[in-house]
Amino acid sequence: MAAIDEQEYTKSFDLKIWKRLLPILARYRTTMILMVGINSLTAVVDVAIPLFQQYAISHFIQRGTLDGLPG
């Protein structure tokens, strides 16, 4: 069995490929917009979670109190 050589891609962005893809993706416009929206929401949540954790540690764990936390 011959070894499969991996191709090395050095181009980061090729406009010609996107120009060819746009007519195909246009049929799925609503789905693409929904995917971009969900991915953006996921990115915001990924950034927010550590910030909430930092707040909780600073305000509750280090102080040794549960004041301000709902039951």
N, C-alpha and C. Protein backbone atom coordinates (compact mmCIF):
# COMPACT_ATOMS: atom_id res chain seq x y z
N MET A 1 0.84 -1.17 0.00
CA MET A 1 0.00 0.00 0.00
C MET A 1 0.90 1.24 0.00
N ALA A 2 0.69 2.12 -0.96
CA ALA A 2 1.53 3.30 -1.10
C ALA A 2 1.13 4.35 -0.07
N ALA A 3 2.12 5.06 0.41
CA ALA A 3 1.87 6.13 1.38
C ALA A 3 1.21 7.30 0.67
N ILE A 4 0.26 7.88 1.33
CA ILE A 4 -0.44 9.03 0.76
C ILE A 4 0.28 10.29 1.22
N ASP A 5 0.78 11.06 0.26
CA ASP A 5 1.46 12.31 0.58
C ASP A 5 0.42 13.39 0.85
N GLU A 6 0.65 14.12 1.90
CA GLU A 6 -0.24 15.21 2.21
C GLU A 6 0.16 16.44 1.42
N GLN A 7 -0.84 17.15 0.93
CA GLN A 7 -0.57 18.39 0.22
C GLN A 7 -0.40 19.51 1.23
N GLU A 8 0.53 20.37 0.94
CA GLU A 8 0.73 21.52 1.81
C GLU A 8 0.08 22.72 1.15
N TYR A 9 -0.87 23.31 1.86
CA TYR A 9 -1.58 24.47 1.34
C TYR A 9 -0.97 25.73 1.95
N THR A 10 -0.41 26.55 1.11
CA THR A 10 0.22 27.78 1.60
C THR A 10 -0.65 29.00 1.34
N LYS A 11 -1.62 28.89 0.43
CA LYS A 11 -2.51 30.01 0.17
C LYS A 11 -3.57 30.05 1.26
N SER A 12 -3.74 31.22 1.86
CA SER A 12 -4.71 31.33 2.93
C SER A 12 -6.11 31.66 2.42
N PHE A 13 -6.21 32.34 1.29
CA PHE A 13 -7.52 32.75 0.77
C PHE A 13 -7.44 32.82 -0.74
N ASP A 14 -8.36 32.15 -1.41
CA ASP A 14 -8.38 32.16 -2.87
C ASP A 14 -9.75 32.67 -3.32
N LEU A 15 -9.78 33.86 -3.85
CA LEU A 15 -11.02 34.50 -4.26
C LEU A 15 -11.72 33.72 -5.38
N LYS A 16 -10.97 33.09 -6.26
CA LYS A 16 -11.58 32.34 -7.37
C LYS A 16 -12.46 31.21 -6.86
N ILE A 17 -12.04 30.54 -5.81
CA ILE A 17 -12.84 29.44 -5.26
C ILE A 17 -14.15 29.97 -4.71
N TRP A 18 -14.10 31.10 -3.98
CA TRP A 18 -15.32 31.66 -3.41
C TRP A 18 -16.27 32.15 -4.50
N LYS A 19 -15.74 32.68 -5.59
CA LYS A 19 -16.59 33.11 -6.70
C LYS A 19 -17.33 31.93 -7.31
N ARG A 20 -16.69 30.77 -7.34
CA ARG A 20 -17.34 29.57 -7.87
C ARG A 20 -18.35 29.01 -6.88
N LEU A 21 -18.12 29.19 -5.59
CA LEU A 21 -19.01 28.64 -4.58
C LEU A 21 -20.27 29.48 -4.36
N LEU A 22 -20.19 30.79 -4.57
CA LEU A 22 -21.31 31.67 -4.26
C LEU A 22 -22.61 31.30 -4.97
N PRO A 23 -22.61 30.96 -6.25
CA PRO A 23 -23.88 30.56 -6.88
C PRO A 23 -24.48 29.30 -6.24
N ILE A 24 -23.65 28.40 -5.80
CA ILE A 24 -24.14 27.19 -5.16
C ILE A 24 -24.71 27.52 -3.79
N LEU A 25 -23.98 28.35 -3.03
CA LEU A 25 -24.42 28.71 -1.69
C LEU A 25 -25.64 29.62 -1.69
N ALA A 26 -25.89 30.33 -2.79
CA ALA A 26 -27.03 31.23 -2.87
C ALA A 26 -28.34 30.48 -2.69
N ARG A 27 -28.38 29.23 -3.11
CA ARG A 27 -29.59 28.42 -2.95
C ARG A 27 -29.89 28.15 -1.48
N TYR A 28 -28.87 28.22 -0.65
CA TYR A 28 -29.02 27.91 0.77
C TYR A 28 -28.82 29.17 1.62
N ARG A 29 -29.30 30.29 1.11
CA ARG A 29 -29.08 31.58 1.76
C ARG A 29 -29.57 31.60 3.21
N THR A 30 -30.81 31.16 3.44
CA THR A 30 -31.37 31.18 4.78
C THR A 30 -30.56 30.29 5.72
N THR A 31 -30.20 29.13 5.25
CA THR A 31 -29.41 28.21 6.07
C THR A 31 -28.05 28.79 6.38
N MET A 32 -27.42 29.43 5.41
CA MET A 32 -26.10 30.03 5.64
C MET A 32 -26.18 31.17 6.65
N ILE A 33 -27.21 32.00 6.54
CA ILE A 33 -27.37 33.10 7.49
C ILE A 33 -27.60 32.54 8.89
N LEU A 34 -28.41 31.50 9.00
CA LEU A 34 -28.66 30.87 10.29
C LEU A 34 -27.37 30.28 10.86
N MET A 35 -26.58 29.65 10.03
CA MET A 35 -25.31 29.07 10.50
C MET A 35 -24.36 30.15 10.99
N VAL A 36 -24.25 31.25 10.26
CA VAL A 36 -23.37 32.34 10.67
C VAL A 36 -23.86 32.93 12.00
N GLY A 37 -25.17 33.08 12.14
CA GLY A 37 -25.72 33.61 13.38
C GLY A 37 -25.46 32.70 14.57
N ILE A 38 -25.67 31.41 14.39
CA ILE A 38 -25.42 30.46 15.47
C ILE A 38 -23.95 30.40 15.82
N ASN A 39 -23.08 30.42 14.82
CA ASN A 39 -21.63 30.42 15.08
C ASN A 39 -21.21 31.69 15.82
N SER A 40 -21.80 32.82 15.47
CA SER A 40 -21.48 34.07 16.18
C SER A 40 -21.93 34.00 17.63
N LEU A 41 -23.13 33.47 17.86
CA LEU A 41 -23.63 33.32 19.23
C LEU A 41 -22.72 32.38 20.03
N THR A 42 -22.29 31.31 19.42
CA THR A 42 -21.38 30.37 20.08
C THR A 42 -20.07 31.04 20.44
N ALA A 43 -19.54 31.87 19.56
CA ALA A 43 -18.29 32.58 19.83
C ALA A 43 -18.46 33.53 21.01
N VAL A 44 -19.60 34.22 21.08
CA VAL A 44 -19.84 35.14 22.19
C VAL A 44 -19.93 34.37 23.50
N VAL A 45 -20.62 33.24 23.50
CA VAL A 45 -20.74 32.43 24.71
C VAL A 45 -19.37 31.89 25.13
N ASP A 46 -18.56 31.46 24.16
CA ASP A 46 -17.22 30.97 24.48
C ASP A 46 -16.37 32.03 25.14
N VAL A 47 -16.56 33.28 24.78
CA VAL A 47 -15.82 34.37 25.41
C VAL A 47 -16.41 34.72 26.77
N ALA A 48 -17.72 34.64 26.89
CA ALA A 48 -18.40 35.08 28.12
C ALA A 48 -18.21 34.11 29.28
N ILE A 49 -18.16 32.83 29.03
CA ILE A 49 -18.08 31.85 30.12
C ILE A 49 -16.87 32.08 31.02
N PRO A 50 -15.65 32.24 30.51
CA PRO A 50 -14.53 32.51 31.41
C PRO A 50 -14.67 33.82 32.18
N LEU A 51 -15.33 34.81 31.58
CA LEU A 51 -15.54 36.07 32.28
C LEU A 51 -16.50 35.89 33.45
N PHE A 52 -17.55 35.10 33.26
CA PHE A 52 -18.47 34.80 34.36
C PHE A 52 -17.77 33.99 35.45
N GLN A 53 -16.93 33.06 35.04
CA GLN A 53 -16.20 32.26 36.03
C GLN A 53 -15.24 33.14 36.83
N GLN A 54 -14.56 34.06 36.16
CA GLN A 54 -13.65 34.97 36.85
C GLN A 54 -14.43 35.83 37.84
N TYR A 55 -15.59 36.31 37.44
CA TYR A 55 -16.42 37.12 38.34
C TYR A 55 -16.84 36.30 39.56
N ALA A 56 -17.28 35.07 39.33
CA ALA A 56 -17.73 34.22 40.44
C ALA A 56 -16.58 33.93 41.41
N ILE A 57 -15.42 33.65 40.89
CA ILE A 57 -14.26 33.37 41.75
C ILE A 57 -13.89 34.61 42.56
N SER A 58 -13.83 35.76 41.89
CA SER A 58 -13.43 37.00 42.57
C SER A 58 -14.43 37.45 43.62
N HIS A 59 -15.72 37.30 43.33
CA HIS A 59 -16.74 37.86 44.21
C HIS A 59 -17.31 36.88 45.23
N PHE A 60 -17.17 35.60 45.01
CA PHE A 60 -17.79 34.65 45.93
C PHE A 60 -16.78 33.69 46.56
N ILE A 61 -15.96 33.07 45.76
CA ILE A 61 -15.07 32.04 46.29
C ILE A 61 -13.95 32.66 47.12
N GLN A 62 -13.28 33.69 46.60
CA GLN A 62 -12.19 34.31 47.35
C GLN A 62 -12.68 35.00 48.62
N ARG A 63 -13.88 35.54 48.58
CA ARG A 63 -14.43 36.22 49.75
C ARG A 63 -15.05 35.23 50.74
N GLY A 64 -15.30 34.01 50.28
CA GLY A 64 -15.89 33.00 51.15
C GLY A 64 -17.33 33.27 51.52
N THR A 65 -18.09 33.87 50.61
CA THR A 65 -19.48 34.20 50.89
C THR A 65 -20.35 33.77 49.71
N LEU A 66 -21.61 33.55 50.00
CA LEU A 66 -22.58 33.24 48.95
C LEU A 66 -23.60 34.36 48.81
N ASP A 67 -23.35 35.50 49.46
CA ASP A 67 -24.26 36.64 49.34
C ASP A 67 -24.33 37.08 47.89
N GLY A 68 -25.52 37.27 47.41
CA GLY A 68 -25.71 37.71 46.04
C GLY A 68 -26.02 36.57 45.10
N LEU A 69 -25.87 35.32 45.54
CA LEU A 69 -26.23 34.18 44.72
C LEU A 69 -27.64 33.73 45.06
N PRO A 70 -28.49 33.54 44.06
CA PRO A 70 -29.83 33.04 44.35
C PRO A 70 -29.76 31.58 44.81
N GLY A 71 -30.76 31.19 45.57
CA GLY A 71 -30.83 29.83 46.12
C GLY A 71 -30.73 28.81 45.06
